[in-house]
N, C-alpha and C. Protein backbone atom coordinates (compact mmCIF):
# COMPACT_ATOMS: atom_id res chain seq x y z
N MET A 1 7.00 -36.26 54.27
CA MET A 1 7.12 -36.70 53.13
C MET A 1 6.44 -35.64 52.33
N ALA A 2 7.08 -34.99 50.88
CA ALA A 2 6.66 -33.73 50.46
C ALA A 2 5.34 -34.07 49.57
N ARG A 3 4.60 -33.46 49.24
CA ARG A 3 2.92 -33.47 48.10
C ARG A 3 3.63 -33.03 47.06
N GLN A 4 3.45 -34.20 45.79
CA GLN A 4 3.54 -33.57 44.58
C GLN A 4 2.15 -32.89 44.02
N ARG A 5 2.27 -31.79 42.93
CA ARG A 5 1.48 -30.74 42.95
C ARG A 5 0.84 -31.50 41.46
N ASP A 6 -0.54 -31.03 40.86
CA ASP A 6 -1.05 -31.83 39.99
C ASP A 6 -0.95 -30.83 39.08
N GLU A 7 -0.38 -30.70 38.14
CA GLU A 7 -0.16 -29.39 37.04
C GLU A 7 -1.67 -30.02 35.66
N ALA A 8 -2.37 -31.34 35.55
CA ALA A 8 -2.77 -31.40 34.58
C ALA A 8 -3.32 -30.09 33.58
N GLY A 9 -4.13 -29.51 33.99
CA GLY A 9 -4.88 -28.61 33.02
C GLY A 9 -3.68 -27.03 33.02
N ALA A 10 -2.68 -27.22 33.04
CA ALA A 10 -1.78 -26.06 33.44
C ALA A 10 -1.39 -25.59 31.69
N VAL A 11 -1.05 -27.26 31.22
CA VAL A 11 -1.17 -26.42 29.42
C VAL A 11 -2.11 -26.26 28.63
N THR A 12 -3.46 -26.93 29.19
CA THR A 12 -4.36 -26.01 28.52
C THR A 12 -4.61 -24.52 28.84
N ALA A 13 -4.37 -24.29 30.12
CA ALA A 13 -4.39 -22.84 30.39
C ALA A 13 -3.11 -21.84 29.37
N GLU A 14 -1.80 -22.66 29.39
CA GLU A 14 -1.37 -21.51 29.06
C GLU A 14 -1.91 -21.75 27.38
N ALA A 15 -2.22 -22.66 26.49
CA ALA A 15 -2.22 -21.80 24.98
C ALA A 15 -3.40 -21.63 24.56
N ALA A 16 -4.35 -21.58 26.36
CA ALA A 16 -5.47 -20.26 25.72
C ALA A 16 -5.17 -18.97 26.15
N ILE A 17 -4.03 -18.89 26.52
CA ILE A 17 -3.50 -17.47 26.15
C ILE A 17 -2.70 -16.91 25.52
N VAL A 18 -2.05 -17.95 25.39
CA VAL A 18 -0.66 -17.92 24.36
C VAL A 18 -1.43 -17.86 23.01
N LEU A 19 -2.20 -18.67 22.70
CA LEU A 19 -3.12 -18.65 20.57
C LEU A 19 -3.62 -17.51 20.28
N PRO A 20 -4.50 -16.60 21.37
CA PRO A 20 -5.07 -15.95 20.59
C PRO A 20 -3.67 -14.48 20.59
N VAL A 21 -2.57 -14.74 21.20
CA VAL A 21 -1.36 -13.28 21.26
C VAL A 21 -0.50 -13.76 19.97
N LEU A 22 -0.72 -14.73 19.88
CA LEU A 22 0.24 -15.42 18.69
C LEU A 22 -0.55 -14.45 17.20
N LEU A 23 -1.94 -15.25 17.38
CA LEU A 23 -2.67 -14.96 15.95
C LEU A 23 -2.77 -13.11 15.77
N LEU A 24 -3.34 -12.80 17.06
CA LEU A 24 -3.06 -11.36 17.04
C LEU A 24 -1.51 -10.73 16.18
N PHE A 25 -0.69 -11.42 16.69
CA PHE A 25 0.83 -10.97 16.66
C PHE A 25 0.97 -11.03 14.50
N THR A 26 0.21 -12.61 14.61
CA THR A 26 0.24 -13.17 12.95
C THR A 26 0.00 -11.82 12.14
N LEU A 27 -1.67 -11.51 12.60
CA LEU A 27 -2.35 -10.31 12.42
C LEU A 27 -1.81 -8.89 11.82
N GLY A 28 -0.88 -8.58 13.11
CA GLY A 28 -0.21 -7.74 13.20
C GLY A 28 1.09 -7.86 11.52
N LEU A 29 1.68 -8.59 11.83
CA LEU A 29 2.97 -8.63 10.57
C LEU A 29 2.11 -9.18 9.34
N VAL A 30 1.14 -9.37 9.07
CA VAL A 30 -0.20 -9.63 7.59
C VAL A 30 -0.14 -8.48 7.30
N TRP A 31 -0.63 -7.26 8.26
CA TRP A 31 -0.81 -6.20 8.04
C TRP A 31 0.39 -4.86 7.65
N LEU A 32 1.37 -5.61 8.17
CA LEU A 32 2.55 -4.19 7.70
C LEU A 32 3.31 -5.33 6.38
N VAL A 33 3.41 -6.32 6.07
CA VAL A 33 3.09 -6.56 4.79
C VAL A 33 2.60 -5.81 4.06
N SER A 34 1.12 -5.66 3.83
CA SER A 34 0.44 -5.71 3.21
C SER A 34 0.86 -4.16 3.32
N LEU A 35 0.71 -3.24 4.51
CA LEU A 35 0.97 -1.80 3.88
C LEU A 35 2.39 -1.89 2.98
N GLY A 36 3.20 -2.53 3.49
CA GLY A 36 4.86 -2.71 2.66
C GLY A 36 4.33 -2.62 1.01
N ALA A 37 3.82 -3.72 1.24
CA ALA A 37 3.37 -3.56 -0.76
C ALA A 37 2.26 -3.07 -1.15
N THR A 38 2.26 -2.15 -0.52
CA THR A 38 0.52 -0.68 -0.79
C THR A 38 1.38 -0.10 -1.43
N GLN A 39 2.92 0.26 -0.31
CA GLN A 39 3.17 1.71 -0.19
C GLN A 39 4.38 1.64 -1.64
N VAL A 40 5.06 0.28 -1.63
CA VAL A 40 5.58 -0.04 -3.26
C VAL A 40 5.13 0.21 -4.32
N ARG A 41 3.81 -0.26 -4.69
CA ARG A 41 2.82 -0.38 -5.65
C ARG A 41 2.77 0.96 -6.18
N ALA A 42 2.44 1.65 -5.05
CA ALA A 42 1.59 3.19 -4.45
C ALA A 42 3.12 4.25 -5.44
N LEU A 43 4.08 3.69 -5.07
CA LEU A 43 5.86 4.40 -5.73
C LEU A 43 5.64 3.73 -7.20
N ASP A 44 5.98 3.06 -7.29
CA ASP A 44 5.79 2.34 -8.36
C ASP A 44 5.03 2.54 -9.82
N ALA A 45 3.88 2.83 -9.11
CA ALA A 45 2.49 3.65 -9.90
C ALA A 45 3.02 4.86 -10.52
N ALA A 46 2.97 6.05 -9.40
CA ALA A 46 3.31 6.90 -9.42
C ALA A 46 4.58 7.46 -10.39
N ARG A 47 6.06 6.68 -10.38
CA ARG A 47 6.66 6.84 -11.24
C ARG A 47 6.38 6.62 -12.98
N GLU A 48 5.48 5.22 -12.88
CA GLU A 48 5.35 5.01 -14.46
C GLU A 48 4.84 5.99 -15.04
N THR A 49 3.30 6.92 -13.90
CA THR A 49 2.57 7.67 -14.29
C THR A 49 3.53 9.02 -14.77
N ALA A 50 4.33 9.32 -14.27
CA ALA A 50 5.05 10.57 -13.82
C ALA A 50 5.71 10.28 -15.30
N ARG A 51 6.49 9.10 -15.74
CA ARG A 51 7.38 8.82 -16.69
C ARG A 51 6.75 9.08 -18.46
N ALA A 52 5.29 8.51 -18.61
CA ALA A 52 4.10 8.43 -19.65
C ALA A 52 4.17 9.87 -19.64
N VAL A 53 3.60 10.30 -19.17
CA VAL A 53 3.23 11.58 -18.85
C VAL A 53 3.91 12.83 -19.31
N ALA A 54 5.57 12.93 -18.93
CA ALA A 54 7.07 13.00 -18.81
C ALA A 54 7.09 13.60 -20.69
N ARG A 55 6.91 11.48 -21.16
CA ARG A 55 7.50 11.61 -22.24
C ARG A 55 6.43 12.34 -23.54
N GLY A 56 5.08 12.63 -22.93
CA GLY A 56 4.59 13.28 -24.26
C GLY A 56 2.55 12.43 -24.00
N ASP A 57 3.21 11.48 -23.78
CA ASP A 57 1.78 10.28 -23.39
C ASP A 57 0.36 11.54 -23.37
N ASP A 58 -1.12 11.20 -23.86
CA ASP A 58 -2.06 12.18 -23.18
C ASP A 58 -2.03 11.26 -21.39
N ARG A 59 -3.01 12.19 -21.19
CA ARG A 59 -2.93 12.34 -19.60
C ARG A 59 -4.03 11.09 -19.00
N ALA A 60 -4.97 11.03 -19.98
CA ALA A 60 -5.52 9.44 -19.76
C ALA A 60 -4.95 7.90 -20.24
N THR A 61 -3.98 7.60 -21.09
CA THR A 61 -3.33 6.70 -21.26
C THR A 61 -2.05 6.67 -19.98
N SER A 62 -1.55 7.62 -19.66
CA SER A 62 -0.69 8.11 -18.57
C SER A 62 -1.19 7.41 -17.35
N ILE A 63 -2.38 7.64 -17.11
CA ILE A 63 -2.93 7.27 -16.00
C ILE A 63 -3.44 6.19 -15.86
N GLY A 64 -3.56 5.72 -17.06
CA GLY A 64 -4.03 4.06 -16.96
C GLY A 64 -3.06 3.03 -16.56
N LEU A 65 -1.92 3.74 -17.24
CA LEU A 65 -0.80 2.78 -17.21
C LEU A 65 -0.53 2.86 -15.63
N GLY A 66 -0.56 3.97 -14.62
CA GLY A 66 -0.46 3.75 -13.32
C GLY A 66 -1.62 3.46 -13.19
N ARG A 67 -2.97 2.62 -12.74
CA ARG A 67 -3.71 2.07 -12.23
C ARG A 67 -4.01 0.63 -12.45
N ARG A 68 -2.73 0.52 -13.51
CA ARG A 68 -2.38 -1.03 -13.47
C ARG A 68 -1.47 -1.57 -13.17
N VAL A 69 -0.88 -0.61 -12.03
CA VAL A 69 0.68 -1.23 -10.93
C VAL A 69 -0.30 -1.03 -9.54
N ALA A 70 -0.76 0.25 -9.65
CA ALA A 70 -1.44 0.93 -8.32
C ALA A 70 -2.67 -0.52 -7.75
N THR A 71 -2.44 -0.20 -6.50
CA THR A 71 -3.48 -1.52 -6.08
C THR A 71 -5.01 -0.28 -6.34
N ALA A 72 -6.15 -1.21 -6.12
CA ALA A 72 -7.49 -1.14 -6.22
C ALA A 72 -8.20 0.42 -5.31
N GLY A 73 -8.77 0.86 -5.95
CA GLY A 73 -9.01 1.83 -4.98
C GLY A 73 -8.13 2.82 -5.26
N ALA A 74 -7.02 3.32 -5.70
CA ALA A 74 -6.09 3.95 -5.65
C ALA A 74 -6.49 5.25 -6.40
N GLN A 75 -6.09 6.64 -5.68
CA GLN A 75 -6.93 8.06 -6.61
C GLN A 75 -5.08 7.89 -6.73
N ILE A 76 -5.16 8.35 -8.62
CA ILE A 76 -3.97 9.17 -9.02
C ILE A 76 -4.39 10.85 -9.76
N SER A 77 -3.40 11.96 -9.03
CA SER A 77 -3.46 13.28 -9.52
C SER A 77 -1.80 13.65 -10.27
N VAL A 78 -2.28 14.06 -11.58
CA VAL A 78 -0.97 14.60 -11.90
C VAL A 78 -1.08 15.97 -12.13
N THR A 79 -0.22 16.84 -11.69
CA THR A 79 -0.18 18.48 -11.65
C THR A 79 1.26 18.84 -12.63
N ASP A 80 1.06 19.72 -13.36
CA ASP A 80 2.28 20.65 -14.38
C ASP A 80 2.64 21.28 -13.44
N GLU A 81 3.85 20.86 -13.18
CA GLU A 81 4.99 22.28 -11.84
C GLU A 81 5.94 22.68 -13.28
N GLY A 82 5.42 23.21 -14.65
CA GLY A 82 6.41 23.62 -15.91
C GLY A 82 7.19 23.14 -16.33
N GLU A 83 8.75 22.90 -15.68
CA GLU A 83 9.59 22.01 -16.91
C GLU A 83 9.36 20.36 -16.12
N THR A 84 8.85 20.75 -14.90
CA THR A 84 8.51 18.57 -14.47
C THR A 84 6.66 18.68 -14.39
N VAL A 85 6.82 17.36 -14.78
CA VAL A 85 5.41 16.61 -14.03
C VAL A 85 5.65 15.70 -12.59
N ALA A 86 4.28 16.44 -11.89
CA ALA A 86 4.30 15.57 -10.31
C ALA A 86 2.94 15.14 -10.83
N VAL A 87 3.34 13.62 -9.37
CA VAL A 87 2.24 12.56 -9.86
C VAL A 87 1.94 12.05 -8.60
N THR A 88 0.89 11.74 -7.97
CA THR A 88 0.45 12.00 -6.82
C THR A 88 -0.12 11.02 -6.37
N VAL A 89 -0.33 9.45 -6.03
CA VAL A 89 -0.98 8.40 -5.88
C VAL A 89 -1.43 7.91 -4.83
N ASP A 90 -2.68 8.11 -4.17
CA ASP A 90 -2.75 7.71 -2.63
C ASP A 90 -3.69 6.46 -2.73
N ALA A 91 -3.37 5.59 -1.72
CA ALA A 91 -3.59 4.02 -2.43
C ALA A 91 -4.26 3.40 -0.90
N PRO A 92 -5.95 3.38 -1.09
CA PRO A 92 -5.94 2.17 0.47
C PRO A 92 -5.15 1.21 0.74
N VAL A 93 -5.03 1.33 1.79
CA VAL A 93 -4.29 -0.24 2.84
C VAL A 93 -5.81 -1.44 2.94
N THR A 94 -5.98 -2.47 1.91
CA THR A 94 -6.75 -3.33 2.84
C THR A 94 -6.68 -4.54 3.16
N GLY A 95 -5.11 -4.93 2.93
CA GLY A 95 -4.71 -6.49 3.07
C GLY A 95 -4.92 -7.33 1.88
N PRO A 96 -4.38 -8.39 2.37
CA PRO A 96 -4.63 -9.89 1.34
C PRO A 96 -6.46 -10.02 1.06
N GLY A 97 -7.03 -9.73 -0.01
CA GLY A 97 -8.57 -10.12 -0.27
C GLY A 97 -8.55 -8.94 0.95
N GLY A 98 -8.58 -8.04 1.49
CA GLY A 98 -10.06 -7.18 1.62
C GLY A 98 -10.14 -7.74 3.34
N LEU A 99 -8.94 -8.22 3.75
CA LEU A 99 -9.15 -9.18 5.43
C LEU A 99 -8.71 -7.57 6.42
N PHE A 100 -8.49 -6.80 6.26
CA PHE A 100 -8.27 -5.83 7.21
C PHE A 100 -9.66 -4.83 6.36
N GLY A 101 -10.52 -4.93 6.19
CA GLY A 101 -12.10 -3.99 5.54
C GLY A 101 -12.29 -3.75 6.87
N PHE A 102 -12.49 -4.31 8.02
CA PHE A 102 -13.60 -3.87 9.33
C PHE A 102 -12.77 -2.53 9.71
N LEU A 103 -11.68 -2.61 10.04
CA LEU A 103 -10.44 -2.07 10.67
C LEU A 103 -10.52 -0.55 9.57
N PRO A 104 -10.31 0.71 10.54
CA PRO A 104 -10.30 2.10 9.58
C PRO A 104 -9.47 2.19 8.75
N SER A 105 -9.23 2.89 7.79
CA SER A 105 -8.02 2.29 6.45
C SER A 105 -6.89 3.72 6.63
N TYR A 106 -5.81 2.85 6.13
CA TYR A 106 -5.02 3.41 6.54
C TYR A 106 -4.35 4.17 4.73
N HIS A 107 -4.08 4.84 4.22
CA HIS A 107 -3.71 5.38 2.91
C HIS A 107 -2.17 5.94 2.97
N ALA A 108 -1.65 4.69 1.85
CA ALA A 108 -0.05 4.89 1.27
C ALA A 108 -0.24 6.10 0.64
N ARG A 109 1.02 6.72 0.54
CA ARG A 109 0.40 8.39 -0.04
C ARG A 109 1.93 8.04 -0.35
N ALA A 110 2.17 8.34 -2.26
CA ALA A 110 3.55 8.12 -3.18
C ALA A 110 3.89 9.50 -4.28
N THR A 111 4.40 10.27 -4.36
CA THR A 111 4.70 10.96 -4.75
C THR A 111 6.12 10.86 -6.20
N ALA A 112 5.66 11.52 -6.76
CA ALA A 112 6.86 11.03 -8.01
C ALA A 112 7.16 12.48 -9.11
N LEU A 113 8.44 12.40 -9.14
CA LEU A 113 8.30 13.87 -9.99
C LEU A 113 9.04 13.20 -11.47
N ALA A 114 8.76 14.10 -12.89
CA ALA A 114 9.68 14.17 -13.51
C ALA A 114 10.03 15.16 -14.72
N ALA A 115 10.87 15.13 -15.19
CA ALA A 115 11.35 16.24 -15.67
C ALA A 115 10.80 16.23 -17.25
N GLN A 116 10.26 17.08 -18.02
CA GLN A 116 9.42 16.65 -19.18
C GLN A 116 10.61 16.76 -20.51
N GLU A 117 9.99 15.40 -21.67
CA GLU A 117 10.31 15.76 -22.39
C GLU A 117 11.00 16.86 -23.23
N PRO A 118 11.65 17.53 -23.88
CA PRO A 118 12.11 18.46 -24.50
C PRO A 118 10.96 18.25 -26.08
N GLY A 119 10.04 19.43 -26.20
CA GLY A 119 9.64 19.40 -27.20
C GLY A 119 7.69 18.48 -27.14
N HIS A 120 7.54 18.50 -26.07
CA HIS A 120 6.18 17.97 -25.18
C HIS A 120 5.98 18.44 -24.40
N GLU A 121 4.53 18.89 -24.63
CA GLU A 121 3.88 19.98 -23.21
C GLU A 121 2.81 18.54 -23.04
N VAL A 122 2.26 18.44 -21.38
CA VAL A 122 1.59 18.51 -20.92
C VAL A 122 0.20 18.47 -21.03
N GLU A 123 -0.41 18.11 -21.16
CA GLU A 123 -1.94 18.33 -21.76
C GLU A 123 -2.49 17.86 -20.49
N LEU A 124 -3.13 19.08 -19.51
CA LEU A 124 -3.83 18.69 -18.52
C LEU A 124 -4.90 19.50 -18.37
N PRO A 125 -6.39 19.17 -18.08
CA PRO A 125 -7.37 19.70 -18.37
C PRO A 125 -7.57 21.21 -17.57
């Protein structure tokens, strides 16, 4: 006669190994989505700021528009390049609700260029 094997604890052992892997995979996906969302918001902030500066709005108002679009902690810099304006936004990726604050931070960076409207000069300090 053949002996039957007892597999009473096999499912528990498999779950103990698979659940942490699934948790890490889920956290990785959440971080990637957060990275993508931060990158899109940084690009939108750079475009909005560049458009505002190019149409002749003052620098503080233009950067204020960009800050409303960008994520918290984003740094916005405006550069006059003659007939164009360059805006760079550097935003830290923190995850939803600061979930990844314990990890070394990654910064999403975006740059936008806009041609200055005729008759408007950029007011930079």
